[in-house]
Structures are given as C-alpha cells and as structure tokens.
Amino acid sequence: MRNGECRTDRKGPRETTIRNERVSPIARGGWIKRWLLAGALSNALLSGKAISQVQPRAPTTAEQYLESLGLAASQLRAADSGQVIVKLIKADDPRDVAVIGLIAVRASRDAVVARALDLSGFVVVQASRAGLFESPPTPADVAAVELDRSEYKRLESCRPGKCAFKLSASAMQSFAADVDWSSPNAKTQADQRLRGDLLRLVADYERRGNAAMPTYDDGPGVRSADAFAAVLAQTAPILATYAPALHRYLTTYPAGRPAGAHDFVYWWEKRVPRMRPTLIVNHVIVYVSPNDATFIVRKQLYANHYTEGGLELLAALDGDAAAPAPATRLIVVRRLRFDYLPVGLFNVRGRVRSRMVEVTRDDLTRERAAIERTLGTASHQDRSRSDPAAINRRTTSAKSDAMPTRVTGSSPSDSPAMESDTRTSLTPAPRIRSAAPATSRP
C-alpha cells in the first residue's frame, strides 16, 4: 500500500487503516503533511451524511449551541464579522480551568474538520513529538518515547505520596525494582519500562475503557477516571443535548460506539522553556451528528505531570447558508483539572486562566489562517497574528511578566496547554477504529 492511501479492513468489524510509514517534519518549524487522517475524515463525513438522511434533524441552531455554552447572540455576530471570541467558563472545582472559543472560518465544514484532525493542528497542539497507536498497539508505536535526561533519575526515589511523576504505586515499584540505577544504561532500561507501561495502558483501555485509566499515587491518590468523569460532568449538559450518542460513548467505551463515530489513541510530548517535559496520552473521537454538526473530542487518558484529567470538545457548525461563500463556525471548549492550582502570593490559578484564554485565542487564529491560506482567503490580520514568531513573542512576554523568578517542581503555570511549538515528528500512523453504518450492523 502506498503512503497516504486508505484501506478498509474486510475482516471483522469495519476499520479504516491509514498508512504513512515515515512521516517527518517538512522543514524545521514546518507543518507535517495535511492528508494524514484524510481517509478517516472522509469516511466519517460520508457515514454522517448517510445517517442524517434516515434520522430526523434535531431542531438546533448555532445560537442554541452558543447560548448553552454561555455565549450571546451578539458574540456570534462578532465572530461572523471576523473577531475571535474567547472567554473563561465557570468551573465547579478550584483546580479546574475551562475556556470557550468561537471563530468563523471562510471554508466548508469538511475543510475545517480536516484541519482540526491534522496532526499539525488542534489534535496535537504543536507537540515536540507525537505518535499514533495501532489497534492493538505495537512496540513500534512507542519507539520514539523516552524520558528526559534532566529528570529520569528522579524515578529511582519515587514512593507513593512522594514522586516527581504521575504514576501508580505499582509503576513506582517497578521502576525502582526493575531498573538497575547503577548501570550505565539505566536510562535505556527506564525508557523501555515506560514504553511497556504505555502499551499496556492503551491495550487495557481498548478492552476495559475508563476502568483501565491509571491511578496517580504521587499525592494522596487520584483515579484519573474520576477526574475525567468530573470534567465530563461539567460538559454533559451540552453533549447530552446536542450529541447524546457521543456523550454515552465517552462513558461506555469501548462498547456502544455510535454510527458515524471514528476514534484513535495517540501520545504526544510537550517541550517548552521553563516547564518539565510532559508526556500525554489522548483518545480522540470524531463524530458526525444527525443534525449536521461535527464533533471532535479529545480525552486525556494519562499525563505524567500537571493535570489529572482533561477534555477538549470541538464543534464545527455550518455557517449562514445565505452567505456568498461557504463558512463554518468552529467552537472549542477546553477543560483541564490540575493537580495543584494555588492562588497565594504568585496567583498561579489566575495566571493559568489568563494563559489558557490567550493560547486558545492564538490557536483559533492560527488554525483559521492555516485553513484560509490553503484556500487563498486568509486576511492580512490573520496572517500577521498566526505568524509563529509573533505568537512566540506574545507568549514569552506574557510568561515573563507572570512567572516568579525561580520555579521549582511541576508548577501548573507551565502546563502543556500554555505554550506553542511547531516542531513535530511522528511514528507510523494508526488504525482508525470506526463504527459501521447502522444499516450494516448485525
């Protein structure tokens, strides 16, 4: 099979396999290839259109979506005129930070969703490294995963209640017992242990769903599944109303995948100044609802620093049908639960909230410019705001103003959601799991 081709596996459940054997950065700081997940996208859109023909359309509008998310009709009009709307959302727990962003893009919904799924776009948020898991996962999927030399030795002293990494008690014990820390190749042993843990996590998650999500014993003991459930509960009113099948699937996975849903699991690593390298495993679900809206959900399965749970919801809605050119409204809701978010002297919580707003604004501006640039419709304002150097200057300036002189430990103000980096490399592409249309189910 040639790179970029899509293949439908004819044995067993319907699956779409997308192969791209050696994907590398186009250039330093450049974008990776746009067609990586094109097969999964086209299948999702086609199945979604088929669903909408046989099911009644729900009486929902963009205004209703936005009102349920706390945005007013005036803000919708402002977004349609070209403004980027971003605001904080009330959170139930002081450790939670949530934002909503809205932007109008001069492109079709298909083009917007294709960009959102692109691994240089929203899905990986400009990771320094990333890899996608096959189903079932294979060692090749995590070949590029490794611990940073600046911190791997801290695993030797990890104990429940006192560990620099988010790990379960059993994982801490394994690192302490199975790695010969006096050996010259101790890091290699630790890397191999980490890769094995990730493979077991993903394989177990594919079998048992949320029950397989890890427990973090670096502190008092937190089940990441509980943290995710708490974050999901705050988004539940939206999903239960506008995408009930997707909402159910987030709690019943791997059972109950709705027709029109496609999903994959990937890992990514964030490396930015003044933060600890952070390894994250996410589950992405793409769902085309019967009412002509496309949802992309990114669910955090694991993070080795900073956050206990996370959920990002993207909704791509068709714009004004009377507009002279295709337009799509892109809504993003981001919710993160941090392990420690004090107010205190340095007001870490306040700085994190401000940074999430700014980063979400930059992300939306960058993505709109990338889509419209491809179609030749980008405005001068978007081209200047999406320039990586300009974004880096704004990020550096804001962070320098907010951060104390000396930062120790895993301060959540340096969360992966707080920075941007355009260097991306990928391991081989995944098997995208998809649901067969309802008419073909036994």
Protein backbone atom coordinates (compact mmCIF):
# COMPACT_ATOMS: atom_id res chain seq x y z
CA MET A 1 0.00 0.00 0.00
CA ARG A 2 1.31 3.42 -0.93
CA ASN A 3 1.73 6.22 1.62
CA GLY A 4 -1.43 8.18 2.20
CA GLU A 5 -3.76 5.50 0.86
CA CYS A 6 -6.70 4.30 2.87
CA ARG A 7 -7.73 0.69 3.22
CA THR A 8 -10.89 -0.80 4.63
CA ASP A 9 -10.23 -3.99 6.52
CA ARG A 10 -12.74 -6.52 5.26
CA LYS A 11 -12.24 -8.97 8.11
CA GLY A 12 -14.19 -8.50 11.30
CA PRO A 13 -15.51 -5.05 12.33
CA ARG A 14 -15.14 -2.30 9.78
CA GLU A 15 -11.91 -0.40 10.31
CA THR A 16 -10.06 2.19 8.30
CA THR A 17 -6.29 1.87 8.22
CA ILE A 18 -4.24 4.87 7.18
CA ARG A 19 -0.59 4.19 6.46
CA ASN A 20 2.19 6.73 6.36
CA GLU A 21 5.34 4.79 7.04
CA ARG A 22 7.83 7.58 7.66
CA VAL A 23 6.30 10.95 8.39
CA SER A 24 8.85 13.60 9.28
CA PRO A 25 8.75 17.39 9.58
CA ILE A 26 8.67 19.11 6.19
CA ALA A 27 11.26 21.55 7.50
CA ARG A 28 12.35 22.88 10.86
CA GLY A 29 9.31 24.58 12.28
CA GLY A 30 7.23 23.45 9.27
CA TRP A 31 3.90 21.63 9.08
CA ILE A 32 3.54 17.89 8.58
CA LYS A 33 1.52 16.51 5.69
CA ARG A 34 -2.14 17.50 5.60
CA TRP A 35 -3.53 14.22 4.34
CA LEU A 36 -2.51 12.03 7.27
CA LEU A 37 -6.07 11.43 8.52
CA ALA A 38 -7.94 12.24 5.31
CA GLY A 39 -9.30 8.70 4.96
CA ALA A 40 -10.83 8.67 8.42
CA LEU A 41 -12.31 12.11 7.85
CA SER A 42 -13.91 11.23 4.53
CA ASN A 43 -15.42 8.05 5.95
CA ALA A 44 -16.75 9.94 8.97
CA LEU A 45 -18.34 12.62 6.82
CA LEU A 46 -19.85 10.12 4.39
CA SER A 47 -21.32 7.98 7.15
CA GLY A 48 -22.59 11.10 8.90
CA LYS A 49 -24.38 12.26 5.75
CA ALA A 50 -25.97 8.83 5.40
CA ILE A 51 -27.18 9.00 8.99
CA SER A 52 -28.72 12.43 8.52
CA GLN A 53 -30.79 11.07 5.62
CA VAL A 54 -32.51 8.42 7.71
CA GLN A 55 -32.83 10.22 11.06
CA PRO A 56 -34.81 13.41 11.73
CA ARG A 57 -32.74 16.52 12.13
CA ALA A 58 -32.66 17.86 15.66
CA PRO A 59 -34.05 21.42 15.94
CA THR A 60 -30.78 23.02 16.95
CA THR A 61 -29.11 26.17 15.71
CA ALA A 62 -25.74 27.83 16.20
CA GLU A 63 -27.42 30.31 18.50
CA GLN A 64 -28.71 27.49 20.71
CA TYR A 65 -25.28 25.86 20.87
CA LEU A 66 -23.66 29.12 21.88
CA GLU A 67 -26.34 30.06 24.39
CA SER A 68 -25.90 26.69 26.11
CA LEU A 69 -22.17 27.40 26.32
CA GLY A 70 -22.64 30.86 27.78
CA LEU A 71 -22.19 32.99 24.67
CA ALA A 72 -24.69 35.60 23.49
CA ALA A 73 -26.09 36.26 20.03
CA SER A 74 -24.04 39.47 19.88
CA GLN A 75 -20.86 37.42 20.25
CA LEU A 76 -21.97 35.17 17.41
CA ARG A 77 -22.40 38.22 15.19
CA ALA A 78 -18.98 39.49 16.28
CA ALA A 79 -17.41 36.13 15.35
CA ASP A 80 -19.17 36.15 11.97
CA SER A 81 -17.62 39.55 11.32
CA GLY A 82 -14.12 38.16 11.89
CA GLN A 83 -13.48 38.54 15.62
CA VAL A 84 -12.05 35.73 17.74
CA ILE A 85 -14.25 35.24 20.81
CA VAL A 86 -12.66 33.56 23.85
CA LYS A 87 -13.90 33.62 27.43
CA LEU A 88 -13.49 31.71 30.67
CA ILE A 89 -16.21 29.30 31.77
CA LYS A 90 -17.28 28.81 35.36
CA ALA A 91 -15.69 25.67 36.84
CA ASP A 92 -17.08 23.57 39.68
CA ASP A 93 -13.70 22.87 41.30
CA PRO A 94 -10.96 25.45 42.05
CA ARG A 95 -8.44 23.13 40.41
CA ASP A 96 -10.36 23.24 37.12
CA VAL A 97 -9.78 25.77 34.36
CA ALA A 98 -12.13 25.98 31.38
CA VAL A 99 -12.38 28.23 28.34
CA ILE A 100 -14.62 28.51 25.31
CA GLY A 101 -13.55 29.92 21.97
CA LEU A 102 -15.51 30.77 18.84
CA ILE A 103 -14.33 31.71 15.37
CA ALA A 104 -15.85 31.85 11.89
CA VAL A 105 -13.80 30.36 9.06
CA ARG A 106 -14.30 31.12 5.37
CA ALA A 107 -14.27 27.46 4.36
CA SER A 108 -16.55 24.44 4.22
CA ARG A 109 -17.12 22.30 7.30
CA ASP A 110 -15.20 19.46 5.62
CA ALA A 111 -12.11 21.66 5.25
CA VAL A 112 -12.32 22.86 8.85
CA VAL A 113 -12.64 19.34 10.26
CA ALA A 114 -9.79 18.09 8.06
CA ARG A 115 -7.53 20.74 9.55
CA ALA A 116 -8.71 20.00 13.08
CA LEU A 117 -7.73 16.36 12.60
CA ASP A 118 -4.38 17.23 11.04
CA LEU A 119 -1.61 16.36 13.46
CA SER A 120 -0.08 19.80 12.98
CA GLY A 121 -3.36 21.36 14.05
CA PHE A 122 -5.67 21.16 17.05
CA VAL A 123 -5.29 17.46 17.80
CA VAL A 124 -1.65 17.57 18.90
CA VAL A 125 -1.38 21.32 19.60
CA GLN A 126 2.10 21.61 18.07
CA ALA A 127 3.77 18.83 20.04
CA SER A 128 7.51 18.39 20.01
CA ARG A 129 6.97 14.67 19.33
CA ALA A 130 3.90 12.53 18.76
CA GLY A 131 2.94 9.00 17.85
CA LEU A 132 -0.27 7.19 17.00
CA PHE A 133 -1.23 3.78 18.33
CA GLU A 134 -2.24 0.87 16.14
CA SER A 135 -5.12 -1.28 17.31
CA PRO A 136 -3.90 -3.35 19.04
CA PRO A 137 -0.87 -1.24 19.98
CA THR A 138 2.59 -2.39 18.92
CA PRO A 139 6.12 -1.62 20.21
CA ALA A 140 6.76 0.44 17.07
CA ASP A 141 4.07 2.89 18.19
CA VAL A 142 6.15 4.00 21.19
CA ALA A 143 9.65 3.60 19.77
CA ALA A 144 10.20 7.36 19.98
CA VAL A 145 9.03 7.68 23.60
CA GLU A 146 11.78 8.43 26.09
CA LEU A 147 12.33 10.12 29.42
CA ASP A 148 14.20 13.38 29.56
CA ARG A 149 17.77 13.15 30.83
CA SER A 150 17.17 16.09 33.13
CA GLU A 151 14.66 14.19 35.26
CA TYR A 152 14.68 10.44 34.65
CA LYS A 153 16.84 9.71 37.72
CA ARG A 154 14.09 11.08 39.97
CA LEU A 155 12.17 7.87 39.27
CA GLU A 156 14.61 5.95 41.45
CA SER A 157 13.35 7.64 44.59
CA CYS A 158 9.63 7.57 43.73
CA ARG A 159 7.40 6.38 46.53
CA PRO A 160 3.62 6.58 46.99
CA GLY A 161 2.81 10.07 48.18
CA LYS A 162 6.21 11.43 47.13
CA CYS A 163 7.06 11.22 43.45
CA ALA A 164 8.01 13.75 40.78
CA PHE A 165 5.94 11.85 38.21
CA LYS A 166 2.27 10.95 37.99
CA LEU A 167 2.41 7.18 38.42
CA SER A 168 0.55 4.41 40.17
CA ALA A 169 2.13 2.80 43.21
CA SER A 170 2.79 -0.38 41.23
CA ALA A 171 4.52 1.57 38.46
CA MET A 172 6.72 3.33 41.02
CA GLN A 173 7.69 -0.02 42.48
CA SER A 174 8.50 -1.40 39.03
CA PHE A 175 10.79 1.50 38.16
CA ALA A 176 12.59 1.10 41.48
CA ALA A 177 12.94 -2.69 41.29
CA ASP A 178 13.29 -3.41 37.56
CA VAL A 179 15.82 -0.73 36.65
CA ASP A 180 19.48 -1.11 37.65
CA TRP A 181 20.06 2.51 38.56
CA SER A 182 23.80 1.95 38.99
CA SER A 183 24.13 0.72 35.41
CA PRO A 184 25.45 2.98 32.61
CA ASN A 185 22.32 2.13 30.61
CA ALA A 186 19.85 2.89 33.41
CA LYS A 187 18.07 5.42 31.23
CA THR A 188 17.61 2.87 28.46
CA GLN A 189 16.08 0.47 30.97
CA ALA A 190 13.78 3.18 32.32
CA ASP A 191 12.72 4.16 28.78
CA GLN A 192 11.88 0.55 27.99
CA ARG A 193 9.86 0.31 31.19
CA LEU A 194 7.93 3.46 30.27
CA ARG A 195 7.19 2.22 26.74
CA GLY A 196 5.90 -1.07 28.08
CA ASP A 197 3.65 0.73 30.55
CA LEU A 198 2.15 2.85 27.76
CA LEU A 199 1.46 -0.20 25.58
CA ARG A 200 -0.22 -1.98 28.47
CA LEU A 201 -2.26 1.11 29.31
CA VAL A 202 -3.61 1.53 25.78
CA ALA A 203 -4.24 -2.20 25.25
CA ASP A 204 -6.09 -2.41 28.56
CA TYR A 205 -8.04 0.77 27.80
CA GLU A 206 -9.18 -0.69 24.49
CA ARG A 207 -10.52 -3.70 26.38
CA ARG A 208 -11.96 -2.11 29.54
CA GLY A 209 -12.36 1.56 28.81
CA ASN A 210 -12.34 4.01 31.72
CA ALA A 211 -11.74 1.21 34.24
CA ALA A 212 -8.22 0.86 32.82
CA MET A 213 -7.27 4.51 33.34
CA PRO A 214 -4.41 4.83 35.86
CA THR A 215 -4.39 5.92 39.47
CA TYR A 216 -1.98 8.72 40.36
CA ASP A 217 -0.26 7.92 43.65
CA ASP A 218 2.24 10.78 43.60
CA GLY A 219 -0.01 12.54 46.10
CA PRO A 220 -2.99 11.40 48.14
CA GLY A 221 -4.13 9.06 45.35
CA VAL A 222 -6.36 10.13 42.46
CA ARG A 223 -8.13 7.92 39.95
CA SER A 224 -7.74 9.59 36.58
CA ALA A 225 -11.09 8.10 35.54
CA ASP A 226 -12.73 10.01 38.40
CA ALA A 227 -11.01 13.23 37.35
CA PHE A 228 -12.23 12.74 33.79
CA ALA A 229 -15.76 11.97 35.00
CA ALA A 230 -15.78 15.23 36.97
CA VAL A 231 -14.63 17.20 33.93
CA LEU A 232 -17.12 15.42 31.66
CA ALA A 233 -19.97 16.13 34.07
CA GLN A 234 -19.45 19.85 33.52
CA THR A 235 -19.71 19.35 29.74
CA ALA A 236 -22.52 16.79 29.95
CA PRO A 237 -25.43 19.22 29.52
CA ILE A 238 -24.04 20.26 26.14
CA LEU A 239 -23.22 16.79 24.86
CA ALA A 240 -26.36 15.16 26.24
CA THR A 241 -28.49 17.72 24.40
CA TYR A 242 -26.71 18.01 21.07
CA ALA A 243 -24.78 14.72 20.77
CA PRO A 244 -26.29 12.19 23.22
CA ALA A 245 -24.77 9.18 21.45
CA LEU A 246 -21.30 10.71 21.74
CA HIS A 247 -21.87 11.53 25.40
CA ARG A 248 -22.83 7.92 26.13
CA TYR A 249 -19.83 6.60 24.23
CA LEU A 250 -17.45 8.64 26.36
CA THR A 251 -18.70 6.73 29.41
CA THR A 252 -19.25 3.27 27.87
CA TYR A 253 -16.17 2.96 25.61
CA PRO A 254 -15.30 0.54 24.06
CA ALA A 255 -18.94 -0.56 23.99
CA GLY A 256 -21.65 1.43 22.28
CA ARG A 257 -19.70 3.16 19.53
CA PRO A 258 -22.35 5.11 17.60
CA ALA A 259 -22.65 5.01 13.85
CA GLY A 260 -20.76 7.95 12.42
CA ALA A 261 -18.06 7.79 15.11
CA HIS A 262 -14.37 7.13 14.48
CA ASP A 263 -11.63 7.14 17.08
CA PHE A 264 -7.91 6.71 17.68
CA VAL A 265 -5.39 6.96 20.52
CA TYR A 266 -2.10 8.85 20.35
CA TRP A 267 0.70 10.05 22.60
CA TRP A 268 2.44 13.39 22.44
CA GLU A 269 5.16 15.23 24.26
CA LYS A 270 5.42 18.92 25.03
CA ARG A 271 8.80 20.61 25.47
CA VAL A 272 8.84 24.33 26.08
CA PRO A 273 11.03 26.61 28.16
CA ARG A 274 10.53 26.65 31.93
CA MET A 275 8.39 23.53 32.12
CA ARG A 276 9.04 19.86 32.67
CA PRO A 277 8.75 17.71 29.53
CA THR A 278 5.22 16.33 29.67
CA LEU A 279 4.07 13.06 28.13
CA ILE A 280 0.33 12.78 27.45
CA VAL A 281 -1.87 10.01 26.03
CA ASN A 282 -5.16 11.09 24.47
CA HIS A 283 -8.18 9.37 22.96
CA VAL A 284 -9.76 11.25 20.03
CA ILE A 285 -13.32 10.63 18.84
CA VAL A 286 -14.70 12.13 15.64
CA TYR A 287 -18.49 12.12 15.45
CA VAL A 288 -20.86 13.45 12.81
CA SER A 289 -24.22 14.04 14.43
CA PRO A 290 -27.58 13.72 12.66
CA ASN A 291 -28.11 17.49 12.85
CA ASP A 292 -25.21 18.40 10.52
CA ALA A 293 -22.63 19.20 13.18
CA THR A 294 -19.24 17.54 13.51
CA PHE A 295 -17.77 16.98 16.97
CA ILE A 296 -14.16 16.14 17.79
CA VAL A 297 -13.48 15.14 21.39
CA ARG A 298 -10.01 14.82 22.88
CA LYS A 299 -9.98 12.87 26.14
CA GLN A 300 -6.88 12.70 28.34
CA LEU A 301 -6.02 9.16 29.38
CA TYR A 302 -2.69 9.89 31.04
CA ALA A 303 -0.28 12.75 31.76
CA ASN A 304 2.97 12.35 33.67
CA HIS A 305 2.90 15.94 35.00
CA TYR A 306 0.47 18.71 35.93
CA THR A 307 -3.06 17.51 35.08
CA GLU A 308 -5.28 14.76 36.46
CA GLY A 309 -7.89 14.94 33.71
CA GLY A 310 -8.77 16.85 30.59
CA LEU A 311 -11.42 17.12 27.90
CA GLU A 312 -11.46 19.22 24.75
CA LEU A 313 -14.59 19.49 22.63
CA LEU A 314 -14.54 20.96 19.13
CA ALA A 315 -17.81 21.56 17.30
CA ALA A 316 -17.81 22.51 13.63
CA LEU A 317 -21.15 24.02 12.59
CA ASP A 318 -22.26 25.13 9.16
CA GLY A 319 -22.40 28.92 8.92
CA ASP A 320 -25.01 31.18 7.38
CA ALA A 321 -26.47 29.42 4.33
CA ALA A 322 -27.20 32.82 2.75
CA ALA A 323 -23.54 33.85 2.83
CA PRO A 324 -21.91 34.33 -0.60
CA ALA A 325 -19.14 31.82 0.27
CA PRO A 326 -19.01 28.71 2.46
CA ALA A 327 -18.47 29.50 6.13
CA THR A 328 -18.09 27.37 9.23
CA ARG A 329 -18.30 28.29 12.89
CA LEU A 330 -15.68 26.50 14.96
CA ILE A 331 -16.34 26.24 18.71
CA VAL A 332 -13.77 24.86 21.13
CA VAL A 333 -14.34 24.09 24.81
CA ARG A 334 -11.26 23.16 26.87
CA ARG A 335 -11.42 21.85 30.42
CA LEU A 336 -8.40 20.80 32.49
CA ARG A 337 -8.20 19.56 36.07
CA PHE A 338 -4.83 20.37 37.61
CA ASP A 339 -3.21 18.53 40.49
CA TYR A 340 -2.28 21.78 42.24
CA LEU A 341 -3.53 25.25 41.43
CA PRO A 342 -2.89 27.65 44.31
CA VAL A 343 -3.80 31.32 44.45
CA GLY A 344 -1.36 32.58 47.08
CA LEU A 345 1.34 35.17 46.53
CA PHE A 346 2.01 34.34 42.88
CA ASN A 347 -1.66 33.67 41.97
CA VAL A 348 -0.85 30.60 39.88
CA ARG A 349 -4.52 29.95 39.20
CA GLY A 350 -5.03 33.44 37.82
CA ARG A 351 -2.00 33.18 35.57
CA VAL A 352 -3.09 29.77 34.24
CA ARG A 353 -6.57 31.07 33.47
CA SER A 354 -5.17 34.06 31.61
CA ARG A 355 -2.74 31.91 29.65
CA MET A 356 -5.45 29.45 28.60
CA VAL A 357 -7.50 32.32 27.19
CA GLU A 358 -4.52 33.72 25.29
CA VAL A 359 -3.36 30.36 23.96
CA THR A 360 -6.88 29.42 22.85
CA ARG A 361 -7.14 32.74 21.03
CA ASP A 362 -3.80 32.15 19.31
CA ASP A 363 -4.75 28.57 18.42
CA LEU A 364 -8.03 29.62 16.82
CA THR A 365 -6.38 32.46 14.91
CA ARG A 366 -3.60 30.16 13.69
CA GLU A 367 -5.99 27.43 12.58
CA ARG A 368 -8.24 29.85 10.70
CA ALA A 369 -5.25 31.35 8.93
CA ALA A 370 -3.93 27.90 8.00
CA ILE A 371 -7.27 26.83 6.51
CA GLU A 372 -7.93 30.07 4.67
CA ARG A 373 -4.34 30.34 3.46
CA THR A 374 -4.74 26.97 1.77
CA LEU A 375 -7.91 28.23 0.08
CA GLY A 376 -6.43 31.66 -0.67
CA THR A 377 -8.85 33.54 1.57
CA ALA A 378 -6.68 34.44 4.57
CA SER A 379 -6.90 38.03 5.75
CA HIS A 380 -3.84 40.17 6.46
CA GLN A 381 -4.84 40.33 10.13
CA ASP A 382 -4.89 36.53 10.47
CA ARG A 383 -1.60 36.15 8.59
CA SER A 384 0.13 38.51 11.00
CA ARG A 385 -1.47 37.09 14.17
CA SER A 386 -0.72 33.50 13.18
CA ASP A 387 2.96 34.15 12.47
CA PRO A 388 4.88 31.77 14.80
CA ALA A 389 7.45 34.45 15.68
CA ALA A 390 4.72 36.90 16.67
CA ILE A 391 2.94 34.29 18.79
CA ASN A 392 6.23 33.33 20.44
CA ARG A 393 6.92 36.99 21.30
CA ARG A 394 3.48 37.33 22.89
CA THR A 395 3.88 34.06 24.80
CA THR A 396 7.36 34.91 26.06
CA SER A 397 6.33 38.41 27.10
CA ALA A 398 3.21 37.27 28.94
CA LYS A 399 5.02 34.46 30.67
CA SER A 400 7.95 36.60 31.76
CA ASP A 401 5.55 39.06 33.33
CA ALA A 402 3.60 36.35 35.16
CA MET A 403 6.26 33.92 36.36
CA PRO A 404 8.18 34.27 39.60
CA THR A 405 11.96 34.50 39.36
CA ARG A 406 12.52 30.88 40.38
CA VAL A 407 10.22 27.99 39.56
CA THR A 408 10.58 24.54 41.10
CA GLY A 409 8.66 21.28 40.75
CA SER A 410 5.79 20.84 38.32
CA SER A 411 4.12 24.22 38.54
CA PRO A 412 0.82 24.06 36.61
CA SER A 413 1.51 27.50 35.21
CA ASP A 414 3.83 25.68 32.83
CA SER A 415 1.13 23.28 31.62
CA PRO A 416 1.33 21.89 28.06
CA ALA A 417 -1.73 23.96 27.24
CA MET A 418 0.21 27.12 27.92
CA GLU A 419 2.74 27.20 25.08
CA SER A 420 3.18 26.69 21.32
CA ASP A 421 5.89 24.84 19.42
CA THR A 422 5.84 23.95 15.72
CA ARG A 423 8.38 21.10 15.68
CA THR A 424 6.57 17.83 15.16
CA SER A 425 7.67 14.30 14.32
CA LEU A 426 5.50 11.22 14.07
CA THR A 427 5.81 7.49 14.39
CA PRO A 428 3.80 5.29 11.93
CA ALA A 429 0.13 6.16 11.62
CA PRO A 430 -2.67 4.33 13.42
CA ARG A 431 -5.58 2.10 12.67
CA ILE A 432 -8.58 4.39 12.97
CA ARG A 433 -11.41 2.49 14.58
CA SER A 434 -14.79 3.25 13.11
CA ALA A 435 -18.37 2.18 13.52
CA ALA A 436 -20.16 0.58 10.64
CA PRO A 437 -23.33 2.36 9.45
CA ALA A 438 -26.40 1.38 11.41
CA THR A 439 -27.87 -0.43 8.40
CA SER A 440 -24.95 -2.88 8.25
CA ARG A 441 -24.93 -3.88 11.91
CA PRO A 442 -25.96 -7.49 12.65
